Amino acid sequence: MNKIIRYIIVVFLLQLSHSTIAKEVITIGVGNFPPFFIEKDNKGLFVELINQIFSELPQYNVKFLYMSNHRLLHEINSGKLIDVAANIFAESDVDAHLSVPIFRYTDVAISRTNKNFTVNKISDLEGKSIAAYQGAKELLGGDFKQMAESNAQYSEHSHPKDTTYLMVTGSKDIRVGDINIFWYDLQNKFYDQKNNIEANQFTIHRLWPDVYSHLAFKNEDLRNDVDQVIKKLKNNGAIDNIYNKYLFQNGNLASTEPR
């Protein structure tokens, strides 16, 4: 009996060792802007989405590599550091296999309520000083691009928190970007303690539908496998559940952590 038990244990350990060795490491290049990607502790909304997807593909171990958006495009096109790039827009100059849309943004224009701006359409932005995220004029439609190129007070910034700072402190009239990034930025103690900032001091102007970005793969077969997983997770509600965890209800700034 002891020999049989020892044999079973040896076989189990060999199988466990084989399964561990057989796992392929997938390096995914990601940005670093909360609440979507947070390098500290590998957390954030988009990080959680990626982990959920690859939990359905246990043959892979995921490794995250944080870098700038510009570096992401270089690495997925011709570099050797990553296998997958996260948060790539279809309009990008990318030579890779894009997944189905997965990462959602809700871009809005935001102003100080006491400015009493009426902004119901793109043309209402003309003549106002605007801080937008990098690449906004290529992603938010032809009317917005025309407005931006003819507006000397329009600027784009690689770090979303810079657009929040410029608008909140009065250097810019309007911030253009994702609403959840804005609410997250306002939780910074700088705004709370030094400027007495509250969510009701801002007006949200909803000018655009939600936009989506993709995972970009060097390997087409892996992209196809991930697309099947994404479809499954959409159908069973798992993706919606993750998004709902990170929503800021009515600009609630009570916590920096997802509920």
Protein backbone atom coordinates (compact mmCIF):
# COMPACT_ATOMS: atom_id res chain seq x y z
CA MET A 1 0.00 0.00 0.00
CA ASN A 2 2.80 2.40 0.88
CA LYS A 3 4.41 1.76 -2.51
CA ILE A 4 1.13 2.59 -4.27
CA ILE A 5 0.74 5.82 -2.32
CA ARG A 6 4.32 6.81 -3.04
CA TYR A 7 3.78 6.07 -6.73
CA ILE A 8 0.65 8.24 -6.83
CA ILE A 9 2.47 11.09 -5.12
CA VAL A 10 5.39 10.88 -7.54
CA VAL A 11 3.06 10.86 -10.56
CA PHE A 12 1.13 13.86 -9.16
CA LEU A 13 4.31 15.85 -8.58
CA LEU A 14 5.58 15.07 -12.06
CA GLN A 15 2.30 16.22 -13.59
CA LEU A 16 2.32 19.39 -11.49
CA SER A 17 5.89 20.14 -12.50
CA HIS A 18 5.08 19.54 -16.16
CA SER A 19 2.04 21.84 -16.10
CA THR A 20 4.09 24.60 -14.46
CA ILE A 21 6.92 24.27 -16.95
CA ALA A 22 4.50 24.16 -19.87
CA LYS A 23 2.96 27.55 -19.06
CA GLU A 24 3.96 30.24 -21.52
CA VAL A 25 4.80 33.70 -20.21
CA ILE A 26 2.93 36.45 -22.04
CA THR A 27 4.35 39.95 -21.57
CA ILE A 28 1.69 42.63 -21.91
CA GLY A 29 2.70 46.25 -22.33
CA VAL A 30 0.43 48.68 -20.49
CA GLY A 31 0.29 52.37 -19.66
CA ASN A 32 0.31 53.82 -16.16
CA PHE A 33 -2.65 56.10 -15.53
CA PRO A 34 -5.20 55.45 -12.81
CA PRO A 35 -7.84 54.24 -12.35
CA PHE A 36 -7.20 52.06 -15.42
CA PHE A 37 -3.55 51.07 -15.00
CA ILE A 38 -1.81 51.49 -11.63
CA GLU A 39 1.76 50.22 -11.64
CA LYS A 40 1.91 49.94 -7.87
CA ASP A 41 0.58 46.48 -6.95
CA ASN A 42 -0.47 45.79 -10.58
CA LYS A 43 -4.04 46.98 -10.13
CA GLY A 44 -6.65 49.06 -11.89
CA LEU A 45 -9.75 48.55 -13.99
CA PHE A 46 -8.01 47.52 -17.21
CA VAL A 47 -5.49 45.37 -15.34
CA GLU A 48 -8.37 43.50 -13.73
CA LEU A 49 -10.02 43.00 -17.11
CA ILE A 50 -6.81 41.52 -18.53
CA ASN A 51 -6.38 39.22 -15.53
CA GLN A 52 -9.98 38.06 -15.88
CA ILE A 53 -9.46 37.27 -19.54
CA PHE A 54 -6.30 35.27 -18.99
CA SER A 55 -7.78 33.40 -16.03
CA GLU A 56 -9.76 31.64 -18.76
CA LEU A 57 -6.49 30.73 -20.52
CA PRO A 58 -4.54 28.98 -17.74
CA GLN A 59 -1.81 27.85 -20.13
CA TYR A 60 -0.39 31.36 -19.92
CA ASN A 61 1.28 33.36 -17.18
CA VAL A 62 0.80 37.11 -17.63
CA LYS A 63 3.56 39.61 -16.94
CA PHE A 64 2.82 43.35 -17.09
CA LEU A 65 5.36 45.85 -18.40
CA TYR A 66 4.54 49.53 -17.84
CA MET A 67 5.55 52.10 -20.45
CA SER A 68 4.42 55.20 -22.32
CA ASN A 69 1.79 55.02 -25.07
CA HIS A 70 4.43 55.98 -27.63
CA ARG A 71 6.69 53.14 -26.47
CA LEU A 72 3.74 50.71 -26.55
CA LEU A 73 3.23 51.33 -30.26
CA HIS A 74 6.93 50.94 -30.99
CA GLU A 75 7.21 47.69 -29.04
CA ILE A 76 4.13 46.03 -30.55
CA ASN A 77 5.15 47.10 -34.06
CA SER A 78 8.85 46.28 -34.07
CA GLY A 79 10.17 45.79 -30.55
CA LYS A 80 10.99 42.59 -28.68
CA LEU A 81 9.91 43.40 -25.11
CA ILE A 82 6.20 42.60 -25.31
CA ASP A 83 3.85 40.07 -26.88
CA VAL A 84 0.70 42.11 -26.39
CA ALA A 85 -0.05 45.83 -26.09
CA ALA A 86 -3.05 47.00 -24.09
CA ASN A 87 -5.22 50.03 -24.81
CA ILE A 88 -4.52 50.40 -28.52
CA PHE A 89 -7.02 52.37 -30.59
CA ALA A 90 -8.07 51.14 -34.00
CA GLU A 91 -7.00 54.48 -35.50
CA SER A 92 -3.43 53.98 -34.28
CA ASP A 93 -0.59 53.25 -36.69
CA VAL A 94 -0.21 49.69 -35.46
CA ASP A 95 1.00 46.59 -37.28
CA ALA A 96 -0.61 43.96 -35.07
CA HIS A 97 -3.76 41.88 -34.62
CA LEU A 98 -6.41 43.80 -32.70
CA SER A 99 -8.86 42.14 -30.36
CA VAL A 100 -12.53 42.99 -30.30
CA PRO A 101 -13.18 46.24 -28.37
CA ILE A 102 -12.65 45.75 -24.64
CA PHE A 103 -11.40 48.92 -22.89
CA ARG A 104 -14.11 51.57 -22.52
CA TYR A 105 -13.73 55.33 -22.15
CA THR A 106 -16.41 57.91 -21.50
CA ASP A 107 -14.95 61.11 -22.89
CA VAL A 108 -16.64 64.34 -21.83
CA ALA A 109 -15.93 68.06 -21.64
CA ILE A 110 -15.80 69.40 -18.08
CA SER A 111 -15.99 73.00 -16.92
CA ARG A 112 -16.31 74.90 -13.67
CA THR A 113 -19.99 75.34 -12.88
CA ASN A 114 -19.46 78.96 -11.90
CA LYS A 115 -18.29 79.70 -15.46
CA ASN A 116 -21.87 79.09 -16.67
CA PHE A 117 -20.67 77.70 -19.99
CA THR A 118 -23.26 76.35 -22.41
CA VAL A 119 -21.59 73.44 -24.19
CA ASN A 120 -24.11 71.29 -26.04
CA LYS A 121 -22.15 70.74 -29.24
CA ILE A 122 -18.57 70.81 -30.49
CA SER A 123 -18.88 74.32 -31.92
CA ASP A 124 -19.62 75.61 -28.41
CA LEU A 125 -15.97 74.85 -27.56
CA GLU A 126 -14.68 77.43 -30.02
CA GLY A 127 -12.79 80.29 -28.41
CA LYS A 128 -12.35 78.50 -25.08
CA SER A 129 -9.04 77.37 -23.63
CA ILE A 130 -9.01 73.58 -23.62
CA ALA A 131 -6.77 70.91 -22.10
CA ALA A 132 -7.20 67.47 -23.71
CA TYR A 133 -5.45 64.14 -23.58
CA GLN A 134 -2.78 63.26 -26.11
CA GLY A 135 -4.34 62.20 -29.40
CA ALA A 136 -7.82 63.55 -28.64
CA LYS A 137 -8.16 65.51 -31.87
CA GLU A 138 -7.56 62.33 -33.87
CA LEU A 139 -10.12 60.31 -31.90
CA LEU A 140 -13.05 62.62 -31.21
CA GLY A 141 -14.31 63.27 -34.70
CA GLY A 142 -13.74 65.66 -37.58
CA ASP A 143 -15.62 68.58 -36.04
CA PHE A 144 -13.52 68.38 -32.89
CA LYS A 145 -10.29 68.15 -34.89
CA GLN A 146 -11.25 71.22 -36.93
CA MET A 147 -12.08 73.14 -33.76
CA ALA A 148 -8.80 72.08 -32.10
CA GLU A 149 -6.61 73.01 -35.06
CA SER A 150 -8.15 76.46 -35.33
CA ASN A 151 -8.01 77.13 -31.58
CA ALA A 152 -4.73 78.62 -30.38
CA GLN A 153 -5.78 77.93 -26.79
CA TYR A 154 -6.13 74.18 -27.34
CA SER A 155 -3.42 71.88 -25.97
CA GLU A 156 -2.90 68.14 -25.51
CA HIS A 157 -1.06 66.47 -22.64
CA SER A 158 0.47 63.01 -22.26
CA HIS A 159 -0.52 62.72 -18.58
CA PRO A 160 -4.29 62.93 -17.95
CA LYS A 161 -3.72 64.35 -14.46
CA ASP A 162 -2.17 67.43 -16.11
CA THR A 163 -5.44 68.20 -17.90
CA THR A 164 -7.30 67.97 -14.59
CA TYR A 165 -4.82 70.28 -12.88
CA LEU A 166 -4.98 72.91 -15.63
CA MET A 167 -8.76 73.10 -15.59
CA VAL A 168 -9.25 72.88 -11.83
CA THR A 169 -6.69 75.60 -11.13
CA GLY A 170 -8.16 77.91 -13.75
CA SER A 171 -5.40 77.80 -16.37
CA LYS A 172 -7.84 76.23 -18.81
CA ASP A 173 -11.60 76.67 -19.23
CA ILE A 174 -12.37 73.12 -20.34
CA ARG A 175 -10.93 69.67 -19.70
CA VAL A 176 -11.58 67.01 -22.35
CA GLY A 177 -11.10 63.39 -21.37
CA ASP A 178 -12.47 60.36 -19.60
CA ILE A 179 -14.89 61.16 -16.77
CA ASN A 180 -13.64 58.42 -14.43
CA ILE A 181 -10.03 59.59 -14.74
CA PHE A 182 -11.23 63.05 -13.75
CA TRP A 183 -13.11 61.85 -10.65
CA TYR A 184 -10.11 59.75 -9.68
CA ASP A 185 -7.75 62.71 -10.09
CA LEU A 186 -9.93 64.85 -7.82
CA GLN A 187 -9.34 62.41 -4.98
CA ASN A 188 -5.77 63.64 -4.80
CA LYS A 189 -5.28 65.31 -1.41
CA PHE A 190 -3.88 68.37 -3.18
CA TYR A 191 -7.32 69.31 -4.43
CA ASP A 192 -9.15 68.44 -1.23
CA GLN A 193 -6.86 70.15 1.27
CA LYS A 194 -5.54 73.15 -0.67
CA ASN A 195 -8.41 74.02 -2.97
CA ASN A 196 -11.52 72.76 -1.17
CA ILE A 197 -12.66 71.02 -4.33
CA GLU A 198 -15.98 69.18 -4.49
CA ALA A 199 -17.63 67.29 -7.33
CA ASN A 200 -20.63 69.63 -7.50
CA GLN A 201 -18.34 72.49 -8.56
CA PHE A 202 -18.08 71.02 -12.06
CA THR A 203 -20.43 70.66 -15.01
CA ILE A 204 -20.19 67.60 -17.23
CA HIS A 205 -20.86 68.21 -20.93
CA ARG A 206 -21.56 64.90 -22.70
CA LEU A 207 -20.63 65.42 -26.33
CA TRP A 208 -19.49 61.98 -27.46
CA PRO A 209 -20.55 58.34 -27.25
CA ASP A 210 -18.28 55.93 -25.37
CA VAL A 211 -15.14 54.91 -27.23
CA TYR A 212 -13.24 51.63 -26.99
CA SER A 213 -9.68 50.47 -27.39
CA HIS A 214 -8.21 47.03 -27.94
CA LEU A 215 -5.55 44.54 -27.04
CA ALA A 216 -2.99 44.26 -29.87
CA PHE A 217 -1.24 40.92 -30.46
CA LYS A 218 1.81 39.87 -32.39
CA ASN A 219 0.36 36.34 -32.53
CA GLU A 220 -2.92 36.03 -34.42
CA ASP A 221 -3.86 32.67 -32.87
CA LEU A 222 -3.55 34.10 -29.37
CA ARG A 223 -5.72 37.06 -30.45
CA ASN A 224 -8.37 34.64 -31.70
CA ASP A 225 -8.35 32.72 -28.41
CA VAL A 226 -8.68 35.96 -26.43
CA ASP A 227 -11.56 37.14 -28.62
CA GLN A 228 -13.47 33.98 -27.76
CA VAL A 229 -12.87 34.57 -24.06
CA ILE A 230 -13.98 38.21 -24.29
CA LYS A 231 -17.20 37.12 -26.01
CA LYS A 232 -17.85 34.62 -23.21
CA LEU A 233 -17.15 37.17 -20.47
CA LYS A 234 -19.44 39.71 -22.12
CA ASN A 235 -22.24 37.18 -22.37
CA ASN A 236 -22.00 36.03 -18.75
CA GLY A 237 -21.78 39.56 -17.35
CA ALA A 238 -18.25 39.26 -15.93
CA ILE A 239 -16.93 42.28 -17.85
CA ASP A 240 -19.86 44.49 -16.84
CA ASN A 241 -19.33 43.45 -13.21
CA ILE A 242 -15.73 44.67 -13.33
CA TYR A 243 -16.70 48.00 -14.88
CA ASN A 244 -19.42 48.49 -12.27
CA LYS A 245 -16.89 48.05 -9.46
CA TYR A 246 -14.94 51.06 -10.66
CA LEU A 247 -17.75 53.47 -11.48
CA PHE A 248 -17.85 56.72 -9.56
CA GLN A 249 -21.51 57.30 -8.84
CA ASN A 250 -22.41 60.99 -9.21
CA GLY A 251 -18.78 61.94 -8.78
CA ASN A 252 -18.51 60.27 -5.39
CA LEU A 253 -14.98 60.99 -4.17
CA ALA A 254 -15.21 59.03 -0.94
CA SER A 255 -12.66 56.34 -1.77
CA THR A 256 -9.67 55.85 -4.06
CA GLU A 257 -10.31 52.11 -4.14
CA PRO A 258 -12.94 50.38 -6.27
CA ARG A 259 -16.02 49.40 -4.34
